[in-house]
Amino acid sequence: MKKDVKELTRIFDVLSNEVRLCILLKLMNEEEKNVTYLQQCTNVSQSMVSQQLAKLKAQGIITCKKQGNEVHYRIKDNKIKDMLKMFV
């Protein structure tokens, strides 16, 4: 039980940031997106989006792959998608 609580605390901490939550909501409905697309939908700087993507990646919530000069991101953890679907 304690492990589950720690995991939920980690997830809620990640979701408590407006930019990260916006990114995850966009990725929830899309297969993969690049930083430029995510920057346009969040209305913050590209560097801010990149910083938030790095935090999401470090937490194991998203993954990325390089395609040419672009990096495409997607949600790695389906538990996050399921959780977000409960609220949207």
PDB file of N, CA and C in Angstrom:
ATOM      1  N   MET A   1       0.818  -1.198   0.000  1.00  0.00           N
ATOM      2  CA  MET A   1       0.000   0.000   0.000  1.00  0.00           C
ATOM      3  C   MET A   1       0.859   1.258   0.000  1.00  0.00           C
ATOM      4  N   LYS A   2       1.933   1.270   0.795  1.00  0.00           N
ATOM      5  CA  LYS A   2       2.790   2.449   0.870  1.00  0.00           C
ATOM      6  C   LYS A   2       3.413   2.753  -0.487  1.00  0.00           C
ATOM      7  N   LYS A   3       3.780   1.714  -1.236  1.00  0.00           N
ATOM      8  CA  LYS A   3       4.353   1.903  -2.568  1.00  0.00           C
ATOM      9  C   LYS A   3       3.325   2.550  -3.496  1.00  0.00           C
ATOM     10  N   ASP A   4       2.060   2.127  -3.417  1.00  0.00           N
ATOM     11  CA  ASP A   4       0.999   2.709  -4.241  1.00  0.00           C
ATOM     12  C   ASP A   4       0.798   4.184  -3.919  1.00  0.00           C
ATOM     13  N   VAL A   5       0.860   4.524  -2.661  1.00  0.00           N
ATOM     14  CA  VAL A   5       0.691   5.916  -2.246  1.00  0.00           C
ATOM     15  C   VAL A   5       1.841   6.761  -2.781  1.00  0.00           C
ATOM     16  N   LYS A   6       3.044   6.241  -2.696  1.00  0.00           N
ATOM     17  CA  LYS A   6       4.197   6.976  -3.226  1.00  0.00           C
ATOM     18  C   LYS A   6       4.064   7.185  -4.733  1.00  0.00           C
ATOM     19  N   GLU A   7       3.621   6.165  -5.443  1.00  0.00           N
ATOM     20  CA  GLU A   7       3.441   6.265  -6.893  1.00  0.00           C
ATOM     21  C   GLU A   7       2.377   7.307  -7.233  1.00  0.00           C
ATOM     22  N   LEU A   8       1.264   7.291  -6.525  1.00  0.00           N
ATOM     23  CA  LEU A   8       0.212   8.282  -6.763  1.00  0.00           C
ATOM     24  C   LEU A   8       0.684   9.688  -6.433  1.00  0.00           C
ATOM     25  N   THR A   9       1.440   9.823  -5.382  1.00  0.00           N
ATOM     26  CA  THR A   9       1.990  11.134  -5.022  1.00  0.00           C
ATOM     27  C   THR A   9       2.883  11.657  -6.134  1.00  0.00           C
ATOM     28  N   ARG A  10       3.708  10.796  -6.687  1.00  0.00           N
ATOM     29  CA  ARG A  10       4.600  11.178  -7.787  1.00  0.00           C
ATOM     30  C   ARG A  10       3.789  11.615  -8.999  1.00  0.00           C
ATOM     31  N   ILE A  11       2.772  10.853  -9.345  1.00  0.00           N
ATOM     32  CA  ILE A  11       1.949  11.168 -10.513  1.00  0.00           C
ATOM     33  C   ILE A  11       1.198  12.477 -10.304  1.00  0.00           C
ATOM     34  N   PHE A  12       0.591  12.654  -9.146  1.00  0.00           N
ATOM     35  CA  PHE A  12      -0.150  13.891  -8.884  1.00  0.00           C
ATOM     36  C   PHE A  12       0.783  15.099  -8.856  1.00  0.00           C
ATOM     37  N   ASP A  13       1.991  14.910  -8.383  1.00  0.00           N
ATOM     38  CA  ASP A  13       2.972  15.995  -8.399  1.00  0.00           C
ATOM     39  C   ASP A  13       3.262  16.420  -9.838  1.00  0.00           C
ATOM     40  N   VAL A  14       3.439  15.449 -10.716  1.00  0.00           N
ATOM     41  CA  VAL A  14       3.693  15.746 -12.136  1.00  0.00           C
ATOM     42  C   VAL A  14       2.486  16.437 -12.755  1.00  0.00           C
ATOM     43  N   LEU A  15       1.298  15.963 -12.446  1.00  0.00           N
ATOM     44  CA  LEU A  15       0.081  16.516 -13.036  1.00  0.00           C
ATOM     45  C   LEU A  15      -0.286  17.885 -12.475  1.00  0.00           C
ATOM     46  N   SER A  16       0.313  18.285 -11.374  1.00  0.00           N
ATOM     47  CA  SER A  16      -0.059  19.551 -10.738  1.00  0.00           C
ATOM     48  C   SER A  16       0.480  20.776 -11.466  1.00  0.00           C
ATOM     49  N   ASN A  17       1.322  20.583 -12.456  1.00  0.00           N
ATOM     50  CA  ASN A  17       1.852  21.693 -13.237  1.00  0.00           C
ATOM     51  C   ASN A  17       0.999  21.888 -14.482  1.00  0.00           C
ATOM     52  N   GLU A  18       0.543  23.123 -14.702  1.00  0.00           N
ATOM     53  CA  GLU A  18      -0.373  23.417 -15.808  1.00  0.00           C
ATOM     54  C   GLU A  18       0.219  23.091 -17.178  1.00  0.00           C
ATOM     55  N   VAL A  19       1.479  23.408 -17.395  1.00  0.00           N
ATOM     56  CA  VAL A  19       2.111  23.141 -18.690  1.00  0.00           C
ATOM     57  C   VAL A  19       2.254  21.642 -18.908  1.00  0.00           C
ATOM     58  N   ARG A  20       2.722  20.920 -17.890  1.00  0.00           N
ATOM     59  CA  ARG A  20       2.862  19.466 -18.037  1.00  0.00           C
ATOM     60  C   ARG A  20       1.511  18.808 -18.270  1.00  0.00           C
ATOM     61  N   LEU A  21       0.499  19.261 -17.562  1.00  0.00           N
ATOM     62  CA  LEU A  21      -0.836  18.697 -17.747  1.00  0.00           C
ATOM     63  C   LEU A  21      -1.354  18.971 -19.151  1.00  0.00           C
ATOM     64  N   CYS A  22      -1.144  20.170 -19.660  1.00  0.00           N
ATOM     65  CA  CYS A  22      -1.558  20.506 -21.024  1.00  0.00           C
ATOM     66  C   CYS A  22      -0.845  19.620 -22.043  1.00  0.00           C
ATOM     67  N   ILE A  23       0.449  19.420 -21.843  1.00  0.00           N
ATOM     68  CA  ILE A  23       1.235  18.558 -22.732  1.00  0.00           C
ATOM     69  C   ILE A  23       0.652  17.145 -22.727  1.00  0.00           C
ATOM     70  N   LEU A  24       0.394  16.622 -21.548  1.00  0.00           N
ATOM     71  CA  LEU A  24      -0.128  15.263 -21.446  1.00  0.00           C
ATOM     72  C   LEU A  24      -1.517  15.139 -22.063  1.00  0.00           C
ATOM     73  N   LEU A  25      -2.350  16.152 -21.890  1.00  0.00           N
ATOM     74  CA  LEU A  25      -3.673  16.112 -22.508  1.00  0.00           C
ATOM     75  C   LEU A  25      -3.576  16.106 -24.027  1.00  0.00           C
ATOM     76  N   LYS A  26      -2.640  16.867 -24.569  1.00  0.00           N
ATOM     77  CA  LYS A  26      -2.445  16.860 -26.024  1.00  0.00           C
ATOM     78  C   LYS A  26      -1.895  15.523 -26.496  1.00  0.00           C
ATOM     79  N   LEU A  27      -0.957  14.977 -25.761  1.00  0.00           N
ATOM     80  CA  LEU A  27      -0.379  13.692 -26.153  1.00  0.00           C
ATOM     81  C   LEU A  27      -1.356  12.542 -25.960  1.00  0.00           C
ATOM     82  N   MET A  28      -2.309  12.717 -25.058  1.00  0.00           N
ATOM     83  CA  MET A  28      -3.299  11.676 -24.815  1.00  0.00           C
ATOM     84  C   MET A  28      -4.132  11.422 -26.074  1.00  0.00           C
ATOM     85  N   ASN A  29      -4.419  12.467 -26.811  1.00  0.00           N
ATOM     86  CA  ASN A  29      -5.282  12.366 -27.987  1.00  0.00           C
ATOM     87  C   ASN A  29      -4.510  12.203 -29.288  1.00  0.00           C
ATOM     88  N   GLU A  30      -3.212  12.312 -29.227  1.00  0.00           N
ATOM     89  CA  GLU A  30      -2.372  12.223 -30.423  1.00  0.00           C
ATOM     90  C   GLU A  30      -1.377  11.078 -30.252  1.00  0.00           C
ATOM     91  N   GLU A  31      -0.966  10.510 -31.350  1.00  0.00           N
ATOM     92  CA  GLU A  31       0.017   9.425 -31.269  1.00  0.00           C
ATOM     93  C   GLU A  31       1.381   9.960 -30.814  1.00  0.00           C
ATOM     94  N   GLU A  32       1.913  10.914 -31.543  1.00  0.00           N
ATOM     95  CA  GLU A  32       3.211  11.508 -31.212  1.00  0.00           C
ATOM     96  C   GLU A  32       3.206  12.956 -31.675  1.00  0.00           C
ATOM     97  N   LYS A  33       3.886  13.807 -30.942  1.00  0.00           N
ATOM     98  CA  LYS A  33       3.985  15.213 -31.330  1.00  0.00           C
ATOM     99  C   LYS A  33       5.373  15.737 -31.001  1.00  0.00           C
ATOM    100  N   ASN A  34       5.782  16.766 -31.756  1.00  0.00           N
ATOM    101  CA  ASN A  34       7.088  17.375 -31.519  1.00  0.00           C
ATOM    102  C   ASN A  34       6.950  18.597 -30.612  1.00  0.00           C
ATOM    103  N   VAL A  35       8.077  19.168 -30.219  1.00  0.00           N
ATOM    104  CA  VAL A  35       8.099  20.302 -29.300  1.00  0.00           C
ATOM    105  C   VAL A  35       7.374  21.504 -29.896  1.00  0.00           C
ATOM    106  N   THR A  36       7.553  21.763 -31.172  1.00  0.00           N
ATOM    107  CA  THR A  36       6.920  22.921 -31.804  1.00  0.00           C
ATOM    108  C   THR A  36       5.404  22.842 -31.689  1.00  0.00           C
ATOM    109  N   TYR A  37       4.830  21.691 -31.972  1.00  0.00           N
ATOM    110  CA  TYR A  37       3.375  21.520 -31.850  1.00  0.00           C
ATOM    111  C   TYR A  37       2.940  21.737 -30.402  1.00  0.00           C
ATOM    112  N   LEU A  38       3.656  21.136 -29.473  1.00  0.00           N
ATOM    113  CA  LEU A  38       3.283  21.253 -28.064  1.00  0.00           C
ATOM    114  C   LEU A  38       3.456  22.678 -27.555  1.00  0.00           C
ATOM    115  N   GLN A  39       4.420  23.388 -28.072  1.00  0.00           N
ATOM    116  CA  GLN A  39       4.630  24.781 -27.679  1.00  0.00           C
ATOM    117  C   GLN A  39       3.461  25.634 -28.132  1.00  0.00           C
ATOM    118  N   GLN A  40       2.952  25.398 -29.314  1.00  0.00           N
ATOM    119  CA  GLN A  40       1.824  26.165 -29.839  1.00  0.00           C
ATOM    120  C   GLN A  40       0.563  25.938 -29.009  1.00  0.00           C
ATOM    121  N   CYS A  41       0.360  24.750 -28.540  1.00  0.00           N
ATOM    122  CA  CYS A  41      -0.874  24.460 -27.783  1.00  0.00           C
ATOM    123  C   CYS A  41      -0.781  24.898 -26.331  1.00  0.00           C
ATOM    124  N   THR A  42       0.402  25.165 -25.813  1.00  0.00           N
ATOM    125  CA  THR A  42       0.540  25.542 -24.412  1.00  0.00           C
ATOM    126  C   THR A  42       0.696  27.044 -24.210  1.00  0.00           C
ATOM    127  N   ASN A  43       1.034  27.770 -25.264  1.00  0.00           N
ATOM    128  CA  ASN A  43       1.236  29.222 -25.192  1.00  0.00           C
ATOM    129  C   ASN A  43       2.356  29.633 -24.244  1.00  0.00           C
ATOM    130  N   VAL A  44       3.389  28.812 -24.156  1.00  0.00           N
ATOM    131  CA  VAL A  44       4.596  29.170 -23.413  1.00  0.00           C
ATOM    132  C   VAL A  44       5.785  28.990 -24.347  1.00  0.00           C
ATOM    133  N   SER A  45       6.942  29.416 -23.908  1.00  0.00           N
ATOM    134  CA  SER A  45       8.132  29.338 -24.754  1.00  0.00           C
ATOM    135  C   SER A  45       8.525  27.889 -25.045  1.00  0.00           C
ATOM    136  N   GLN A  46       9.252  27.723 -26.136  1.00  0.00           N
ATOM    137  CA  GLN A  46       9.707  26.395 -26.516  1.00  0.00           C
ATOM    138  C   GLN A  46      10.663  25.833 -25.466  1.00  0.00           C
ATOM    139  N   SER A  47      11.475  26.698 -24.874  1.00  0.00           N
ATOM    140  CA  SER A  47      12.403  26.210 -23.841  1.00  0.00           C
ATOM    141  C   SER A  47      11.640  25.726 -22.602  1.00  0.00           C
ATOM    142  N   MET A  48      10.536  26.393 -22.258  1.00  0.00           N
ATOM    143  CA  MET A  48       9.715  25.948 -21.122  1.00  0.00           C
ATOM    144  C   MET A  48       9.086  24.591 -21.419  1.00  0.00           C
ATOM    145  N   VAL A  49       8.593  24.414 -22.635  1.00  0.00           N
ATOM    146  CA  VAL A  49       8.014  23.123 -23.025  1.00  0.00           C
ATOM    147  C   VAL A  49       9.092  22.045 -22.955  1.00  0.00           C
ATOM    148  N   SER A  50      10.268  22.349 -23.461  1.00  0.00           N
ATOM    149  CA  SER A  50      11.369  21.379 -23.427  1.00  0.00           C
ATOM    150  C   SER A  50      11.728  21.000 -22.000  1.00  0.00           C
ATOM    151  N   GLN A  51      11.749  21.971 -21.095  1.00  0.00           N
ATOM    152  CA  GLN A  51      12.048  21.691 -19.686  1.00  0.00           C
ATOM    153  C   GLN A  51      10.991  20.768 -19.077  1.00  0.00           C
ATOM    154  N   GLN A  52       9.735  21.034 -19.389  1.00  0.00           N
ATOM    155  CA  GLN A  52       8.660  20.220 -18.838  1.00  0.00           C
ATOM    156  C   GLN A  52       8.658  18.815 -19.447  1.00  0.00           C
ATOM    157  N   LEU A  53       8.977  18.725 -20.730  1.00  0.00           N
ATOM    158  CA  LEU A  53       9.095  17.410 -21.375  1.00  0.00           C
ATOM    159  C   LEU A  53      10.216  16.601 -20.727  1.00  0.00           C
ATOM    160  N   ALA A  54      11.320  17.262 -20.405  1.00  0.00           N
ATOM    161  CA  ALA A  54      12.436  16.572 -19.741  1.00  0.00           C
ATOM    162  C   ALA A  54      12.000  16.024 -18.382  1.00  0.00           C
ATOM    163  N   LYS A  55      11.194  16.793 -17.640  1.00  0.00           N
ATOM    164  CA  LYS A  55      10.711  16.323 -16.342  1.00  0.00           C
ATOM    165  C   LYS A  55       9.778  15.129 -16.519  1.00  0.00           C
ATOM    166  N   LEU A  56       8.899  15.196 -17.512  1.00  0.00           N
ATOM    167  CA  LEU A  56       7.985  14.079 -17.775  1.00  0.00           C
ATOM    168  C   LEU A  56       8.755  12.828 -18.184  1.00  0.00           C
ATOM    169  N   LYS A  57       9.788  13.022 -18.976  1.00  0.00           N
ATOM    170  CA  LYS A  57      10.607  11.892 -19.424  1.00  0.00           C
ATOM    171  C   LYS A  57      11.382  11.294 -18.241  1.00  0.00           C
ATOM    172  N   ALA A  58      11.921  12.146 -17.394  1.00  0.00           N
ATOM    173  CA  ALA A  58      12.676  11.675 -16.227  1.00  0.00           C
ATOM    174  C   ALA A  58      11.788  10.865 -15.279  1.00  0.00           C
ATOM    175  N   GLN A  59      10.510  11.183 -15.230  1.00  0.00           N
ATOM    176  CA  GLN A  59       9.572  10.460 -14.371  1.00  0.00           C
ATOM    177  C   GLN A  59       9.041   9.187 -15.041  1.00  0.00           C
ATOM    178  N   GLY A  60       9.440   8.948 -16.296  1.00  0.00           N
ATOM    179  CA  GLY A  60       9.014   7.732 -16.986  1.00  0.00           C
ATOM    180  C   GLY A  60       7.593   7.798 -17.524  1.00  0.00           C
ATOM    181  N   ILE A  61       7.051   8.999 -17.639  1.00  0.00           N
ATOM    182  CA  ILE A  61       5.675   9.160 -18.097  1.00  0.00           C
ATOM    183  C   ILE A  61       5.596   9.269 -19.612  1.00  0.00           C
ATOM    184  N   ILE A  62       6.604   9.882 -20.206  1.00  0.00           N
ATOM    185  CA  ILE A  62       6.646   9.979 -21.671  1.00  0.00           C
ATOM    186  C   ILE A  62       7.936   9.366 -22.178  1.00  0.00           C
ATOM    187  N   THR A  63       7.950   9.115 -23.458  1.00  0.00           N
ATOM    188  CA  THR A  63       9.147   8.635 -24.132  1.00  0.00           C
ATOM    189  C   THR A  63       9.288   9.435 -25.423  1.00  0.00           C
ATOM    190  N   CYS A  64      10.432   9.347 -26.045  1.00  0.00           N
ATOM    191  CA  CYS A  64      10.631  10.109 -27.271  1.00  0.00           C
ATOM    192  C   CYS A  64      11.459   9.300 -28.259  1.00  0.00           C
ATOM    193  N   LYS A  65      11.334   9.708 -29.513  1.00  0.00           N
ATOM    194  CA  LYS A  65      12.200   9.132 -30.540  1.00  0.00           C
ATOM    195  C   LYS A  65      12.537  10.224 -31.525  1.00  0.00           C
ATOM    196  N   LYS A  66      13.735  10.165 -32.028  1.00  0.00           N
ATOM    197  CA  LYS A  66      14.221  11.166 -32.962  1.00  0.00           C
ATOM    198  C   LYS A  66      13.869  10.737 -34.378  1.00  0.00           C
ATOM    199  N   GLN A  67      13.295  11.681 -35.129  1.00  0.00           N
ATOM    200  CA  GLN A  67      12.981  11.465 -36.537  1.00  0.00           C
ATOM    201  C   GLN A  67      13.593  12.619 -37.316  1.00  0.00           C
ATOM    202  N   GLY A  68      14.731  12.353 -37.938  1.00  0.00           N
ATOM    203  CA  GLY A  68      15.458  13.427 -38.618  1.00  0.00           C
ATOM    204  C   GLY A  68      15.939  14.437 -37.603  1.00  0.00           C
ATOM    205  N   ASN A  69      15.562  15.705 -37.802  1.00  0.00           N
ATOM    206  CA  ASN A  69      15.965  16.767 -36.876  1.00  0.00           C
ATOM    207  C   ASN A  69      14.963  16.972 -35.745  1.00  0.00           C
ATOM    208  N   GLU A  70      13.858  16.257 -35.758  1.00  0.00           N
ATOM    209  CA  GLU A  70      12.816  16.451 -34.764  1.00  0.00           C
ATOM    210  C   GLU A  70      12.794  15.309 -33.750  1.00  0.00           C
ATOM    211  N   VAL A  71      12.348  15.653 -32.559  1.00  0.00           N
ATOM    212  CA  VAL A  71      12.115  14.657 -31.525  1.00  0.00           C
ATOM    213  C   VAL A  71      10.610  14.596 -31.311  1.00  0.00           C
ATOM    214  N   HIS A  72      10.060  13.401 -31.363  1.00  0.00           N
ATOM    215  CA  HIS A  72       8.623  13.197 -31.188  1.00  0.00           C
ATOM    216  C   HIS A  72       8.380  12.513 -29.846  1.00  0.00           C
ATOM    217  N   TYR A  73       7.389  13.027 -29.137  1.00  0.00           N
ATOM    218  CA  TYR A  73       7.081  12.546 -27.795  1.00  0.00           C
ATOM    219  C   TYR A  73       5.737  11.842 -27.774  1.00  0.00           C
ATOM    220  N   ARG A  74       5.617  10.872 -26.868  1.00  0.00           N
ATOM    221  CA  ARG A  74       4.349  10.176 -26.666  1.00  0.00           C
ATOM    222  C   ARG A  74       4.287   9.722 -25.216  1.00  0.00           C
ATOM    223  N   ILE A  75       3.075   9.478 -24.748  1.00  0.00           N
ATOM    224  CA  ILE A  75       2.896   8.990 -23.379  1.00  0.00           C
ATOM    225  C   ILE A  75       3.322   7.530 -23.332  1.00  0.00           C
ATOM    226  N   LYS A  76       4.183   7.232 -22.395  1.00  0.00           N
ATOM    227  CA  LYS A  76       4.714   5.879 -22.237  1.00  0.00           C
ATOM    228  C   LYS A  76       3.855   5.046 -21.293  1.00  0.00           C
ATOM    229  N   ASP A  77       3.325   5.708 -20.280  1.00  0.00           N
ATOM    230  CA  ASP A  77       2.616   5.032 -19.203  1.00  0.00           C
ATOM    231  C   ASP A  77       1.108   5.112 -19.456  1.00  0.00           C
ATOM    232  N   ASN A  78       0.483   4.008 -19.832  1.00  0.00           N
ATOM    233  CA  ASN A  78      -0.947   4.005 -20.132  1.00  0.00           C
ATOM    234  C   ASN A  78      -1.805   4.295 -18.906  1.00  0.00           C
ATOM    235  N   LYS A  79      -1.265   4.107 -17.708  1.00  0.00           N
ATOM    236  CA  LYS A  79      -2.006   4.461 -16.496  1.00  0.00           C
ATOM    237  C   LYS A  79      -2.319   5.956 -16.489  1.00  0.00           C
ATOM    238  N   ILE A  80      -1.400   6.738 -17.018  1.00  0.00           N
ATOM    239  CA  ILE A  80      -1.600   8.183 -17.077  1.00  0.00           C
ATOM    240  C   ILE A  80      -2.756   8.503 -18.032  1.00  0.00           C
ATOM    241  N   LYS A  81      -2.778   7.858 -19.193  1.00  0.00           N
ATOM    242  CA  LYS A  81      -3.881   8.074 -20.134  1.00  0.00           C
ATOM    243  C   LYS A  81      -5.212   7.722 -19.491  1.00  0.00           C
ATOM    244  N   ASP A  82      -5.263   6.593 -18.820  1.00  0.00           N
ATOM    245  CA  ASP A  82      -6.498   6.168 -18.158  1.00  0.00           C
ATOM    246  C   ASP A  82      -6.932   7.163 -17.095  1.00  0.00           C
ATOM    247  N   MET A  83      -5.972   7.662 -16.339  1.00  0.00           N
ATOM    248  CA  MET A  83      -6.277   8.618 -15.287  1.00  0.00           C
ATOM    249  C   MET A  83      -6.814   9.919 -15.886  1.00  0.00           C
ATOM    250  N   LEU A  84      -6.179  10.408 -16.941  1.00  0.00           N
ATOM    251  CA  LEU A  84      -6.606  11.646 -17.574  1.00  0.00           C
ATOM    252  C   LEU A  84      -8.000  11.513 -18.191  1.00  0.00           C
ATOM    253  N   LYS A  85      -8.285  10.359 -18.746  1.00  0.00           N
ATOM    254  CA  LYS A  85      -9.598  10.141 -19.368  1.00  0.00           C
ATOM    255  C   LYS A  85     -10.734  10.229 -18.350  1.00  0.00           C
ATOM    256  N   MET A  86     -10.449   9.966 -17.107  1.00  0.00           N
ATOM    257  CA  MET A  86     -11.480  10.062 -16.072  1.00  0.00           C
ATOM    258  C   MET A  86     -11.917  11.497 -15.839  1.00  0.00           C
ATOM    259  N   PHE A  87     -11.061  12.450 -16.187  1.00  0.00           N
ATOM    260  CA  PHE A  87     -11.335  13.859 -15.872  1.00  0.00           C
ATOM    261  C   PHE A  87     -11.661  14.707 -17.082  1.00  0.00           C
ATOM    262  N   VAL A  88     -11.472  14.176 -18.273  1.00  0.00           N
ATOM    263  CA  VAL A  88     -11.767  14.967 -19.494  1.00  0.00           C
ATOM    264  C   VAL A  88     -12.800  14.275 -20.343  1.00  0.00           C
TER     265      VAL A  88
END
